[in-house]
PDB file of N, CA and C in Angstrom:
ATOM      1  N   MET A   1     101.398 109.504 127.221  1.00  0.00           N
ATOM      2  CA  MET A   1     101.619 109.864 125.837  1.00  0.00           C
ATOM      3  C   MET A   1     102.735 110.892 125.702  1.00  0.00           C
ATOM      4  N   SER A   2     103.040 111.610 126.754  1.00  0.00           N
ATOM      5  CA  SER A   2     104.065 112.638 126.652  1.00  0.00           C
ATOM      6  C   SER A   2     105.446 112.044 126.398  1.00  0.00           C
ATOM      7  N   ARG A   3     105.620 110.766 126.673  1.00  0.00           N
ATOM      8  CA  ARG A   3     106.913 110.128 126.435  1.00  0.00           C
ATOM      9  C   ARG A   3     107.043 109.549 125.032  1.00  0.00           C
ATOM     10  N   VAL A   4     105.977 109.561 124.290  1.00  0.00           N
ATOM     11  CA  VAL A   4     105.999 109.013 122.937  1.00  0.00           C
ATOM     12  C   VAL A   4     106.605 110.054 122.004  1.00  0.00           C
ATOM     13  N   ARG A   5     107.623 109.639 121.268  1.00  0.00           N
ATOM     14  CA  ARG A   5     108.292 110.557 120.345  1.00  0.00           C
ATOM     15  C   ARG A   5     107.407 110.844 119.138  1.00  0.00           C
ATOM     16  N   SER A   6     107.378 112.096 118.743  1.00  0.00           N
ATOM     17  CA  SER A   6     106.654 112.450 117.524  1.00  0.00           C
ATOM     18  C   SER A   6     107.634 112.764 116.402  1.00  0.00           C
ATOM     19  N   ALA A   7     108.900 112.878 116.744  1.00  0.00           N
ATOM     20  CA  ALA A   7     109.935 113.152 115.751  1.00  0.00           C
ATOM     21  C   ALA A   7     111.197 112.401 116.142  1.00  0.00           C
ATOM     22  N   ASP A   8     112.050 112.193 115.172  1.00  0.00           N
ATOM     23  CA  ASP A   8     113.323 111.508 115.399  1.00  0.00           C
ATOM     24  C   ASP A   8     113.149 110.108 115.970  1.00  0.00           C
ATOM     25  N   THR A   9     112.179 109.376 115.451  1.00  0.00           N
ATOM     26  CA  THR A   9     112.008 107.989 115.865  1.00  0.00           C
ATOM     27  C   THR A   9     113.123 107.156 115.229  1.00  0.00           C
ATOM     28  N   VAL A  10     113.353 105.972 115.744  1.00  0.00           N
ATOM     29  CA  VAL A  10     114.417 105.113 115.217  1.00  0.00           C
ATOM     30  C   VAL A  10     114.237 104.851 113.717  1.00  0.00           C
ATOM     31  N   PRO A  11     113.035 104.459 113.251  1.00  0.00           N
ATOM     32  CA  PRO A  11     112.888 104.240 111.803  1.00  0.00           C
ATOM     33  C   PRO A  11     113.095 105.517 110.987  1.00  0.00           C
ATOM     34  N   GLU A  12     112.638 106.642 111.516  1.00  0.00           N
ATOM     35  CA  GLU A  12     112.787 107.909 110.793  1.00  0.00           C
ATOM     36  C   GLU A  12     114.259 108.284 110.647  1.00  0.00           C
ATOM     37  N   ILE A  13     115.024 108.129 111.706  1.00  0.00           N
ATOM     38  CA  ILE A  13     116.453 108.460 111.648  1.00  0.00           C
ATOM     39  C   ILE A  13     117.176 107.527 110.682  1.00  0.00           C
ATOM     40  N   ALA A  14     116.849 106.246 110.720  1.00  0.00           N
ATOM     41  CA  ALA A  14     117.469 105.288 109.792  1.00  0.00           C
ATOM     42  C   ALA A  14     117.149 105.673 108.347  1.00  0.00           C
ATOM     43  N   PHE A  15     115.923 106.081 108.107  1.00  0.00           N
ATOM     44  CA  PHE A  15     115.489 106.498 106.772  1.00  0.00           C
ATOM     45  C   PHE A  15     116.260 107.737 106.321  1.00  0.00           C
ATOM     46  N   ARG A  16     116.345 108.717 107.191  1.00  0.00           N
ATOM     47  CA  ARG A  16     117.077 109.942 106.848  1.00  0.00           C
ATOM     48  C   ARG A  16     118.536 109.635 106.540  1.00  0.00           C
ATOM     49  N   ARG A  17     119.154 108.806 107.362  1.00  0.00           N
ATOM     50  CA  ARG A  17     120.568 108.457 107.130  1.00  0.00           C
ATOM     51  C   ARG A  17     120.751 107.740 105.794  1.00  0.00           C
ATOM     52  N   ALA A  18     119.815 106.855 105.471  1.00  0.00           N
ATOM     53  CA  ALA A  18     119.914 106.122 104.201  1.00  0.00           C
ATOM     54  C   ALA A  18     119.761 107.072 103.012  1.00  0.00           C
ATOM     55  N   LEU A  19     118.849 108.020 103.103  1.00  0.00           N
ATOM     56  CA  LEU A  19     118.680 109.003 102.028  1.00  0.00           C
ATOM     57  C   LEU A  19     119.935 109.869 101.892  1.00  0.00           C
ATOM     58  N   TRP A  20     120.471 110.292 103.020  1.00  0.00           N
ATOM     59  CA  TRP A  20     121.674 111.133 103.024  1.00  0.00           C
ATOM     60  C   TRP A  20     122.850 110.371 102.407  1.00  0.00           C
ATOM     61  N   ALA A  21     122.951 109.076 102.728  1.00  0.00           N
ATOM     62  CA  ALA A  21     124.059 108.249 102.250  1.00  0.00           C
ATOM     63  C   ALA A  21     124.087 108.128 100.728  1.00  0.00           C
ATOM     64  N   ILE A  22     122.931 108.247 100.080  1.00  0.00           N
ATOM     65  CA  ILE A  22     122.915 108.172  98.613  1.00  0.00           C
ATOM     66  C   ILE A  22     122.896 109.562  97.977  1.00  0.00           C
ATOM     67  N   GLY A  23     123.162 110.570  98.789  1.00  0.00           N
ATOM     68  CA  GLY A  23     123.324 111.920  98.264  1.00  0.00           C
ATOM     69  C   GLY A  23     122.071 112.769  98.189  1.00  0.00           C
ATOM     70  N   LEU A  24     120.974 112.300  98.773  1.00  0.00           N
ATOM     71  CA  LEU A  24     119.742 113.091  98.752  1.00  0.00           C
ATOM     72  C   LEU A  24     119.741 114.061  99.928  1.00  0.00           C
ATOM     73  N   ARG A  25     119.499 115.322  99.636  1.00  0.00           N
ATOM     74  CA  ARG A  25     119.490 116.355 100.666  1.00  0.00           C
ATOM     75  C   ARG A  25     118.066 116.856 100.854  1.00  0.00           C
ATOM     76  N   TYR A  26     117.710 117.120 102.083  1.00  0.00           N
ATOM     77  CA  TYR A  26     116.326 117.419 102.438  1.00  0.00           C
ATOM     78  C   TYR A  26     116.298 118.374 103.619  1.00  0.00           C
ATOM     79  N   ARG A  27     115.127 118.871 103.914  1.00  0.00           N
ATOM     80  CA  ARG A  27     114.875 119.677 105.116  1.00  0.00           C
ATOM     81  C   ARG A  27     114.126 118.795 106.106  1.00  0.00           C
ATOM     82  N   VAL A  28     114.475 118.917 107.362  1.00  0.00           N
ATOM     83  CA  VAL A  28     113.793 118.169 108.421  1.00  0.00           C
ATOM     84  C   VAL A  28     112.774 119.095 109.075  1.00  0.00           C
ATOM     85  N   ARG A  29     111.546 118.593 109.241  1.00  0.00           N
ATOM     86  CA  ARG A  29     110.457 119.335 109.880  1.00  0.00           C
ATOM     87  C   ARG A  29     110.311 120.751 109.305  1.00  0.00           C
ATOM     88  N   ALA A  30     110.116 120.810 108.007  1.00  0.00           N
ATOM     89  CA  ALA A  30     109.940 122.095 107.315  1.00  0.00           C
ATOM     90  C   ALA A  30     108.705 122.813 107.847  1.00  0.00           C
ATOM     91  N   ARG A  31     108.731 124.114 107.789  1.00  0.00           N
ATOM     92  CA  ARG A  31     107.595 124.925 108.261  1.00  0.00           C
ATOM     93  C   ARG A  31     106.499 124.945 107.202  1.00  0.00           C
ATOM     94  N   LEU A  32     105.787 123.847 107.167  1.00  0.00           N
ATOM     95  CA  LEU A  32     104.675 123.663 106.238  1.00  0.00           C
ATOM     96  C   LEU A  32     103.516 123.079 107.024  1.00  0.00           C
ATOM     97  N   PRO A  33     102.312 123.104 106.472  1.00  0.00           N
ATOM     98  CA  PRO A  33     101.190 122.480 107.180  1.00  0.00           C
ATOM     99  C   PRO A  33     101.509 121.029 107.550  1.00  0.00           C
ATOM    100  N   GLY A  34     101.245 120.675 108.786  1.00  0.00           N
ATOM    101  CA  GLY A  34     101.479 119.320 109.253  1.00  0.00           C
ATOM    102  C   GLY A  34     102.911 119.028 109.647  1.00  0.00           C
ATOM    103  N   THR A  35     103.823 119.963 109.429  1.00  0.00           N
ATOM    104  CA  THR A  35     105.242 119.792 109.719  1.00  0.00           C
ATOM    105  C   THR A  35     105.755 118.442 109.212  1.00  0.00           C
ATOM    106  N   PRO A  36     105.951 118.322 107.909  1.00  0.00           N
ATOM    107  CA  PRO A  36     106.430 117.054 107.347  1.00  0.00           C
ATOM    108  C   PRO A  36     107.747 116.618 107.983  1.00  0.00           C
ATOM    109  N   ASP A  37     107.950 115.307 108.063  1.00  0.00           N
ATOM    110  CA  ASP A  37     109.205 114.787 108.608  1.00  0.00           C
ATOM    111  C   ASP A  37     110.371 115.177 107.709  1.00  0.00           C
ATOM    112  N   LEU A  38     110.151 115.130 106.400  1.00  0.00           N
ATOM    113  CA  LEU A  38     111.172 115.519 105.427  1.00  0.00           C
ATOM    114  C   LEU A  38     110.515 116.330 104.317  1.00  0.00           C
ATOM    115  N   ALA A  39     111.289 117.246 103.758  1.00  0.00           N
ATOM    116  CA  ALA A  39     110.797 118.014 102.611  1.00  0.00           C
ATOM    117  C   ALA A  39     111.948 118.237 101.642  1.00  0.00           C
ATOM    118  N   PHE A  40     111.616 118.158 100.374  1.00  0.00           N
ATOM    119  CA  PHE A  40     112.546 118.457  99.295  1.00  0.00           C
ATOM    120  C   PHE A  40     111.983 119.699  98.602  1.00  0.00           C
ATOM    121  N   PRO A  41     112.343 120.898  99.099  1.00  0.00           N
ATOM    122  CA  PRO A  41     111.706 122.130  98.630  1.00  0.00           C
ATOM    123  C   PRO A  41     111.802 122.382  97.125  1.00  0.00           C
ATOM    124  N   LYS A  42     112.948 122.133  96.518  1.00  0.00           N
ATOM    125  CA  LYS A  42     113.090 122.421  95.086  1.00  0.00           C
ATOM    126  C   LYS A  42     112.127 121.591  94.249  1.00  0.00           C
ATOM    127  N   LEU A  43     111.831 120.386  94.713  1.00  0.00           N
ATOM    128  CA  LEU A  43     110.932 119.499  93.971  1.00  0.00           C
ATOM    129  C   LEU A  43     109.531 119.469  94.569  1.00  0.00           C
ATOM    130  N   ARG A  44     109.348 120.235  95.631  1.00  0.00           N
ATOM    131  CA  ARG A  44     108.045 120.356  96.299  1.00  0.00           C
ATOM    132  C   ARG A  44     107.454 118.989  96.669  1.00  0.00           C
ATOM    133  N   LEU A  45     108.282 118.196  97.338  1.00  0.00           N
ATOM    134  CA  LEU A  45     107.875 116.871  97.795  1.00  0.00           C
ATOM    135  C   LEU A  45     108.030 116.803  99.308  1.00  0.00           C
ATOM    136  N   THR A  46     106.991 116.346  99.983  1.00  0.00           N
ATOM    137  CA  THR A  46     107.046 116.173 101.435  1.00  0.00           C
ATOM    138  C   THR A  46     106.884 114.698 101.765  1.00  0.00           C
ATOM    139  N   ILE A  47     107.497 114.301 102.883  1.00  0.00           N
ATOM    140  CA  ILE A  47     107.406 112.913 103.334  1.00  0.00           C
ATOM    141  C   ILE A  47     107.026 112.904 104.804  1.00  0.00           C
ATOM    142  N   PHE A  48     106.053 112.074 105.114  1.00  0.00           N
ATOM    143  CA  PHE A  48     105.653 111.829 106.494  1.00  0.00           C
ATOM    144  C   PHE A  48     105.928 110.363 106.797  1.00  0.00           C
ATOM    145  N   VAL A  49     106.551 110.097 107.934  1.00  0.00           N
ATOM    146  CA  VAL A  49     106.727 108.723 108.403  1.00  0.00           C
ATOM    147  C   VAL A  49     105.659 108.513 109.465  1.00  0.00           C
ATOM    148  N   ASP A  50     104.660 107.699 109.137  1.00  0.00           N
ATOM    149  CA  ASP A  50     103.516 107.489 110.025  1.00  0.00           C
ATOM    150  C   ASP A  50     103.690 106.227 110.860  1.00  0.00           C
ATOM    151  N   GLY A  51     103.549 106.389 112.173  1.00  0.00           N
ATOM    152  CA  GLY A  51     103.600 105.250 113.078  1.00  0.00           C
ATOM    153  C   GLY A  51     102.370 104.373 112.902  1.00  0.00           C
ATOM    154  N   CYS A  52     102.578 103.069 112.956  1.00  0.00           N
ATOM    155  CA  CYS A  52     101.476 102.128 112.702  1.00  0.00           C
ATOM    156  C   CYS A  52     100.348 102.276 113.723  1.00  0.00           C
ATOM    157  N   PHE A  53     100.665 102.526 114.975  1.00  0.00           N
ATOM    158  CA  PHE A  53      99.609 102.680 115.977  1.00  0.00           C
ATOM    159  C   PHE A  53      98.905 104.024 115.830  1.00  0.00           C
ATOM    160  N   TRP A  54      99.653 105.102 115.818  1.00  0.00           N
ATOM    161  CA  TRP A  54      99.085 106.447 115.878  1.00  0.00           C
ATOM    162  C   TRP A  54      98.296 106.834 114.644  1.00  0.00           C
ATOM    163  N   HIS A  55      98.569 106.185 113.527  1.00  0.00           N
ATOM    164  CA  HIS A  55      97.871 106.528 112.285  1.00  0.00           C
ATOM    165  C   HIS A  55      97.020 105.368 111.768  1.00  0.00           C
ATOM    166  N   ALA A  56      96.840 104.345 112.592  1.00  0.00           N
ATOM    167  CA  ALA A  56      95.953 103.198 112.311  1.00  0.00           C
ATOM    168  C   ALA A  56      96.312 102.465 111.023  1.00  0.00           C
ATOM    169  N   CYS A  57      97.533 101.986 110.970  1.00  0.00           N
ATOM    170  CA  CYS A  57      97.981 101.178 109.831  1.00  0.00           C
ATOM    171  C   CYS A  57      97.032  99.994 109.642  1.00  0.00           C
ATOM    172  N   PRO A  58      96.527  99.794 108.425  1.00  0.00           N
ATOM    173  CA  PRO A  58      95.588  98.691 108.206  1.00  0.00           C
ATOM    174  C   PRO A  58      96.215  97.323 108.447  1.00  0.00           C
ATOM    175  N   ARG A  59      97.520  97.248 108.373  1.00  0.00           N
ATOM    176  CA  ARG A  59      98.209  95.970 108.552  1.00  0.00           C
ATOM    177  C   ARG A  59      98.531  95.657 110.012  1.00  0.00           C
ATOM    178  N   HIS A  60      98.805  96.683 110.818  1.00  0.00           N
ATOM    179  CA  HIS A  60      99.296  96.440 112.174  1.00  0.00           C
ATOM    180  C   HIS A  60      98.460  97.025 113.302  1.00  0.00           C
ATOM    181  N   TYR A  61      97.544  97.904 112.989  1.00  0.00           N
ATOM    182  CA  TYR A  61      96.814  98.570 114.066  1.00  0.00           C
ATOM    183  C   TYR A  61      95.904  97.593 114.788  1.00  0.00           C
ATOM    184  N   GLY A  62      96.019  97.601 116.097  1.00  0.00           N
ATOM    185  CA  GLY A  62      95.120  96.831 116.946  1.00  0.00           C
ATOM    186  C   GLY A  62      94.547  97.774 117.986  1.00  0.00           C
ATOM    187  N   GLU A  63      93.243  97.821 118.059  1.00  0.00           N
ATOM    188  CA  GLU A  63      92.609  98.745 118.996  1.00  0.00           C
ATOM    189  C   GLU A  63      92.933  98.339 120.428  1.00  0.00           C
ATOM    190  N   PRO A  64      93.318  99.301 121.260  1.00  0.00           N
ATOM    191  CA  PRO A  64      93.593  98.992 122.664  1.00  0.00           C
ATOM    192  C   PRO A  64      92.359  98.412 123.353  1.00  0.00           C
ATOM    193  N   LYS A  65      92.599  97.596 124.342  1.00  0.00           N
ATOM    194  CA  LYS A  65      91.500  96.935 125.055  1.00  0.00           C
ATOM    195  C   LYS A  65      90.875  97.831 126.126  1.00  0.00           C
ATOM    196  N   SER A  66      91.640  98.801 126.613  1.00  0.00           N
ATOM    197  CA  SER A  66      91.099  99.680 127.650  1.00  0.00           C
ATOM    198  C   SER A  66      90.888 101.081 127.086  1.00  0.00           C
ATOM    199  N   ASN A  67      89.973 101.793 127.693  1.00  0.00           N
ATOM    200  CA  ASN A  67      89.682 103.175 127.308  1.00  0.00           C
ATOM    201  C   ASN A  67      89.387 103.283 125.807  1.00  0.00           C
ATOM    202  N   VAL A  68      88.594 102.362 125.326  1.00  0.00           N
ATOM    203  CA  VAL A  68      88.322 102.214 123.896  1.00  0.00           C
ATOM    204  C   VAL A  68      87.765 103.492 123.272  1.00  0.00           C
ATOM    205  N   GLY A  69      86.838 104.138 123.932  1.00  0.00           N
ATOM    206  CA  GLY A  69      86.245 105.360 123.387  1.00  0.00           C
ATOM    207  C   GLY A  69      87.276 106.446 123.158  1.00  0.00           C
ATOM    208  N   PHE A  70      88.146 106.632 124.130  1.00  0.00           N
ATOM    209  CA  PHE A  70      89.204 107.633 124.002  1.00  0.00           C
ATOM    210  C   PHE A  70      90.072 107.339 122.782  1.00  0.00           C
ATOM    211  N   TRP A  71      90.526 106.082 122.667  1.00  0.00           N
ATOM    212  CA  TRP A  71      91.445 105.735 121.590  1.00  0.00           C
ATOM    213  C   TRP A  71      90.784 105.803 120.222  1.00  0.00           C
ATOM    214  N   ARG A  72      89.532 105.402 120.123  1.00  0.00           N
ATOM    215  CA  ARG A  72      88.835 105.508 118.831  1.00  0.00           C
ATOM    216  C   ARG A  72      88.779 106.962 118.373  1.00  0.00           C
ATOM    217  N   THR A  73      88.421 107.838 119.309  1.00  0.00           N
ATOM    218  CA  THR A  73      88.334 109.266 118.995  1.00  0.00           C
ATOM    219  C   THR A  73      89.703 109.822 118.625  1.00  0.00           C
ATOM    220  N   LYS A  74      90.711 109.474 119.401  1.00  0.00           N
ATOM    221  CA  LYS A  74      92.071 109.972 119.179  1.00  0.00           C
ATOM    222  C   LYS A  74      92.605 109.547 117.811  1.00  0.00           C
ATOM    223  N   ILE A  75      92.506 108.264 117.507  1.00  0.00           N
ATOM    224  CA  ILE A  75      93.036 107.747 116.244  1.00  0.00           C
ATOM    225  C   ILE A  75      92.237 108.293 115.061  1.00  0.00           C
ATOM    226  N   ALA A  76      90.917 108.392 115.207  1.00  0.00           N
ATOM    227  CA  ALA A  76      90.086 108.963 114.132  1.00  0.00           C
ATOM    228  C   ALA A  76      90.486 110.416 113.870  1.00  0.00           C
ATOM    229  N   ALA A  77      90.755 111.165 114.932  1.00  0.00           N
ATOM    230  CA  ALA A  77      91.181 112.562 114.774  1.00  0.00           C
ATOM    231  C   ALA A  77      92.540 112.633 114.079  1.00  0.00           C
ATOM    232  N   ASN A  78      93.443 111.730 114.423  1.00  0.00           N
ATOM    233  CA  ASN A  78      94.757 111.698 113.764  1.00  0.00           C
ATOM    234  C   ASN A  78      94.605 111.454 112.266  1.00  0.00           C
ATOM    235  N   ARG A  79      93.761 110.497 111.914  1.00  0.00           N
ATOM    236  CA  ARG A  79      93.574 110.159 110.500  1.00  0.00           C
ATOM    237  C   ARG A  79      92.910 111.309 109.740  1.00  0.00           C
ATOM    238  N   GLU A  80      91.951 111.972 110.367  1.00  0.00           N
ATOM    239  CA  GLU A  80      91.310 113.126 109.732  1.00  0.00           C
ATOM    240  C   GLU A  80      92.315 114.261 109.559  1.00  0.00           C
ATOM    241  N   ARG A  81      93.154 114.490 110.564  1.00  0.00           N
ATOM    242  CA  ARG A  81      94.189 115.520 110.455  1.00  0.00           C
ATOM    243  C   ARG A  81      95.132 115.195 109.296  1.00  0.00           C
ATOM    244  N   ASP A  82      95.518 113.924 109.153  1.00  0.00           N
ATOM    245  CA  ASP A  82      96.389 113.525 108.041  1.00  0.00           C
ATOM    246  C   ASP A  82      95.747 113.872 106.697  1.00  0.00           C
ATOM    247  N   ARG A  83      94.466 113.572 106.542  1.00  0.00           N
ATOM    248  CA  ARG A  83      93.762 113.877 105.285  1.00  0.00           C
ATOM    249  C   ARG A  83      93.723 115.389 105.043  1.00  0.00           C
ATOM    250  N   ARG A  84      93.449 116.155 106.109  1.00  0.00           N
ATOM    251  CA  ARG A  84      93.389 117.615 105.981  1.00  0.00           C
ATOM    252  C   ARG A  84      94.756 118.181 105.574  1.00  0.00           C
ATOM    253  N   VAL A  85      95.813 117.704 106.219  1.00  0.00           N
ATOM    254  CA  VAL A  85      97.169 118.170 105.906  1.00  0.00           C
ATOM    255  C   VAL A  85      97.526 117.826 104.461  1.00  0.00           C
ATOM    256  N   ASN A  86      97.186 116.613 104.029  1.00  0.00           N
ATOM    257  CA  ASN A  86      97.440 116.227 102.632  1.00  0.00           C
ATOM    258  C   ASN A  86      96.768 117.208 101.673  1.00  0.00           C
ATOM    259  N   ARG A  87      95.500 117.535 101.943  1.00  0.00           N
ATOM    260  CA  ARG A  87      94.768 118.478 101.081  1.00  0.00           C
ATOM    261  C   ARG A  87      95.438 119.853 101.077  1.00  0.00           C
ATOM    262  N   GLU A  88      95.808 120.341 102.263  1.00  0.00           N
ATOM    263  CA  GLU A  88      96.427 121.667 102.364  1.00  0.00           C
ATOM    264  C   GLU A  88      97.736 121.722 101.587  1.00  0.00           C
ATOM    265  N   LEU A  89      98.560 120.705 101.748  1.00  0.00           N
ATOM    266  CA  LEU A  89      99.844 120.693 101.048  1.00  0.00           C
ATOM    267  C   LEU A  89      99.647 120.611  99.536  1.00  0.00           C
ATOM    268  N   ARG A  90      98.715 119.791  99.102  1.00  0.00           N
ATOM    269  CA  ARG A  90      98.455 119.677  97.658  1.00  0.00           C
ATOM    270  C   ARG A  90      97.947 121.000  97.086  1.00  0.00           C
ATOM    271  N   LYS A  91      97.107 121.703  97.842  1.00  0.00           N
ATOM    272  CA  LYS A  91      96.631 123.018  97.384  1.00  0.00           C
ATOM    273  C   LYS A  91      97.787 123.995  97.214  1.00  0.00           C
ATOM    274  N   LEU A  92      98.824 123.828  98.037  1.00  0.00           N
ATOM    275  CA  LEU A  92     100.002 124.694  97.963  1.00  0.00           C
ATOM    276  C   LEU A  92     100.996 124.223  96.900  1.00  0.00           C
ATOM    277  N   GLY A  93     100.662 123.131  96.208  1.00  0.00           N
ATOM    278  CA  GLY A  93     101.520 122.648  95.133  1.00  0.00           C
ATOM    279  C   GLY A  93     102.567 121.627  95.549  1.00  0.00           C
ATOM    280  N   TRP A  94     102.422 121.052  96.728  1.00  0.00           N
ATOM    281  CA  TRP A  94     103.369 120.047  97.211  1.00  0.00           C
ATOM    282  C   TRP A  94     102.828 118.649  96.954  1.00  0.00           C
ATOM    283  N   ARG A  95     103.725 117.726  96.653  1.00  0.00           N
ATOM    284  CA  ARG A  95     103.369 116.309  96.577  1.00  0.00           C
ATOM    285  C   ARG A  95     103.570 115.725  97.968  1.00  0.00           C
ATOM    286  N   VAL A  96     102.700 114.815  98.351  1.00  0.00           N
ATOM    287  CA  VAL A  96     102.744 114.241  99.700  1.00  0.00           C
ATOM    288  C   VAL A  96     102.965 112.739  99.597  1.00  0.00           C
ATOM    289  N   VAL A  97     103.966 112.264 100.330  1.00  0.00           N
ATOM    290  CA  VAL A  97     104.231 110.830 100.421  1.00  0.00           C
ATOM    291  C   VAL A  97     104.136 110.449 101.891  1.00  0.00           C
ATOM    292  N   ARG A  98     103.374 109.405 102.166  1.00  0.00           N
ATOM    293  CA  ARG A  98     103.269 108.881 103.529  1.00  0.00           C
ATOM    294  C   ARG A  98     103.832 107.474 103.532  1.00  0.00           C
ATOM    295  N   ILE A  99     104.753 107.242 104.444  1.00  0.00           N
ATOM    296  CA  ILE A  99     105.402 105.940 104.557  1.00  0.00           C
ATOM    297  C   ILE A  99     105.094 105.376 105.933  1.00  0.00           C
ATOM    298  N   TRP A 100     104.620 104.136 105.960  1.00  0.00           N
ATOM    299  CA  TRP A 100     104.348 103.486 107.243  1.00  0.00           C
ATOM    300  C   TRP A 100     105.655 103.109 107.923  1.00  0.00           C
ATOM    301  N   GLU A 101     105.659 103.229 109.223  1.00  0.00           N
ATOM    302  CA  GLU A 101     106.805 102.850 110.043  1.00  0.00           C
ATOM    303  C   GLU A 101     107.251 101.419 109.716  1.00  0.00           C
ATOM    304  N   HIS A 102     106.295 100.503 109.530  1.00  0.00           N
ATOM    305  CA  HIS A 102     106.679  99.111 109.267  1.00  0.00           C
ATOM    306  C   HIS A 102     107.387  98.956 107.922  1.00  0.00           C
ATOM    307  N   GLU A 103     107.099  99.831 106.965  1.00  0.00           N
ATOM    308  CA  GLU A 103     107.789  99.760 105.676  1.00  0.00           C
ATOM    309  C   GLU A 103     109.284 100.008 105.861  1.00  0.00           C
ATOM    310  N   LEU A 104     109.619 100.928 106.758  1.00  0.00           N
ATOM    311  CA  LEU A 104     111.027 101.232 107.008  1.00  0.00           C
ATOM    312  C   LEU A 104     111.697 100.118 107.794  1.00  0.00           C
ATOM    313  N   ARG A 105     110.977  99.542 108.736  1.00  0.00           N
ATOM    314  CA  ARG A 105     111.545  98.442 109.527  1.00  0.00           C
ATOM    315  C   ARG A 105     111.756  97.191 108.672  1.00  0.00           C
ATOM    316  N   GLU A 106     110.817  96.933 107.758  1.00  0.00           N
ATOM    317  CA  GLU A 106     110.859  95.693 106.983  1.00  0.00           C
ATOM    318  C   GLU A 106     111.667  95.799 105.696  1.00  0.00           C
ATOM    319  N   ASN A 107     111.701  96.976 105.085  1.00  0.00           N
ATOM    320  CA  ASN A 107     112.372  97.106 103.793  1.00  0.00           C
ATOM    321  C   ASN A 107     112.876  98.530 103.583  1.00  0.00           C
ATOM    322  N   LEU A 108     113.834  98.928 104.378  1.00  0.00           N
ATOM    323  CA  LEU A 108     114.396 100.274 104.269  1.00  0.00           C
ATOM    324  C   LEU A 108     114.955 100.545 102.868  1.00  0.00           C
ATOM    325  N   PRO A 109     115.732  99.627 102.285  1.00  0.00           N
ATOM    326  CA  PRO A 109     116.245  99.896 100.932  1.00  0.00           C
ATOM    327  C   PRO A 109     115.127 100.107  99.906  1.00  0.00           C
ATOM    328  N   GLY A 110     114.040  99.385 100.037  1.00  0.00           N
ATOM    329  CA  GLY A 110     112.917  99.554  99.116  1.00  0.00           C
ATOM    330  C   GLY A 110     112.271 100.921  99.257  1.00  0.00           C
ATOM    331  N   ALA A 111     112.120 101.391 100.495  1.00  0.00           N
ATOM    332  CA  ALA A 111     111.540 102.718 100.731  1.00  0.00           C
ATOM    333  C   ALA A 111     112.449 103.808 100.176  1.00  0.00           C
ATOM    334  N   VAL A 112     113.752 103.640 100.362  1.00  0.00           N
ATOM    335  CA  VAL A 112     114.714 104.617  99.843  1.00  0.00           C
ATOM    336  C   VAL A 112     114.658 104.636  98.313  1.00  0.00           C
ATOM    337  N   ALA A 113     114.595 103.457  97.701  1.00  0.00           N
ATOM    338  CA  ALA A 113     114.519 103.377  96.237  1.00  0.00           C
ATOM    339  C   ALA A 113     113.247 104.044  95.721  1.00  0.00           C
ATOM    340  N   ARG A 114     112.148 103.856  96.429  1.00  0.00           N
ATOM    341  CA  ARG A 114     110.871 104.468  96.034  1.00  0.00           C
ATOM    342  C   ARG A 114     110.982 105.993  96.029  1.00  0.00           C
ATOM    343  N   ILE A 115     111.595 106.548  97.080  1.00  0.00           N
ATOM    344  CA  ILE A 115     111.743 108.006  97.165  1.00  0.00           C
ATOM    345  C   ILE A 115     112.702 108.504  96.096  1.00  0.00           C
ATOM    346  N   ARG A 116     113.786 107.788  95.892  1.00  0.00           N
ATOM    347  CA  ARG A 116     114.738 108.190  94.856  1.00  0.00           C
ATOM    348  C   ARG A 116     114.042 108.231  93.489  1.00  0.00           C
ATOM    349  N   GLN A 117     113.225 107.233  93.214  1.00  0.00           N
ATOM    350  CA  GLN A 117     112.496 107.177  91.945  1.00  0.00           C
ATOM    351  C   GLN A 117     111.516 108.352  91.815  1.00  0.00           C
ATOM    352  N   LEU A 118     110.788 108.651  92.890  1.00  0.00           N
ATOM    353  CA  LEU A 118     109.863 109.791  92.870  1.00  0.00           C
ATOM    354  C   LEU A 118     110.601 111.100  92.618  1.00  0.00           C
ATOM    355  N   LEU A 119     111.744 111.268  93.267  1.00  0.00           N
ATOM    356  CA  LEU A 119     112.520 112.496  93.098  1.00  0.00           C
ATOM    357  C   LEU A 119     113.078 112.604  91.682  1.00  0.00           C
ATOM    358  N   THR A 120     113.506 111.482  91.137  1.00  0.00           N
ATOM    359  CA  THR A 120     114.029 111.482  89.770  1.00  0.00           C
ATOM    360  C   THR A 120     112.937 111.885  88.788  1.00  0.00           C
ATOM    361  N   ARG A 121     111.739 111.326  88.971  1.00  0.00           N
ATOM    362  CA  ARG A 121     110.614 111.673  88.095  1.00  0.00           C
ATOM    363  C   ARG A 121     110.217 113.137  88.260  1.00  0.00           C
ATOM    364  N   ALA A 122     110.204 113.612  89.517  1.00  0.00           N
ATOM    365  CA  ALA A 122     109.822 115.007  89.778  1.00  0.00           C
ATOM    366  C   ALA A 122     110.826 115.970  89.154  1.00  0.00           C
ATOM    367  N   ALA A 123     112.105 115.608  89.187  1.00  0.00           N
ATOM    368  CA  ALA A 123     113.138 116.474  88.618  1.00  0.00           C
ATOM    369  C   ALA A 123     113.047 116.519  87.095  1.00  0.00           C
ATOM    370  N   ALA A 124     112.522 115.454  86.500  1.00  0.00           N
ATOM    371  CA  ALA A 124     112.427 115.380  85.038  1.00  0.00           C
ATOM    372  C   ALA A 124     111.254 116.183  84.486  1.00  0.00           C
ATOM    373  N   THR A 125     110.317 116.551  85.349  1.00  0.00           N
ATOM    374  CA  THR A 125     109.142 117.284  84.860  1.00  0.00           C
ATOM    375  C   THR A 125     109.327 118.773  84.932  1.00  0.00           C
TER     376      THR A 125
END
């Protein structure tokens, strides 16, 4: 597991570049609970790019065949941590967006448009 990237994954970098290309500026790994992948401090919006395996994507997650007990516990803990981080950030007044890794691989322009729309709405309020 030590070789598995937790930051700067290929989909995450592609997403960041696409946001930057349309003029959106953000902070990477802001010092906030859960260390969001991206943060837009002025609009108090955080973004997490969740890997389909590590966060048990309902569409792609397949339980490993070996060491089942370990993996069930590990993935359940990851999902509980995600819920806790979401609550903590919301209590601090931040909006939380979680994007599945497969969303970026399958429809990067759609994910970028979704974030742009959220930011536009947040700026209008």
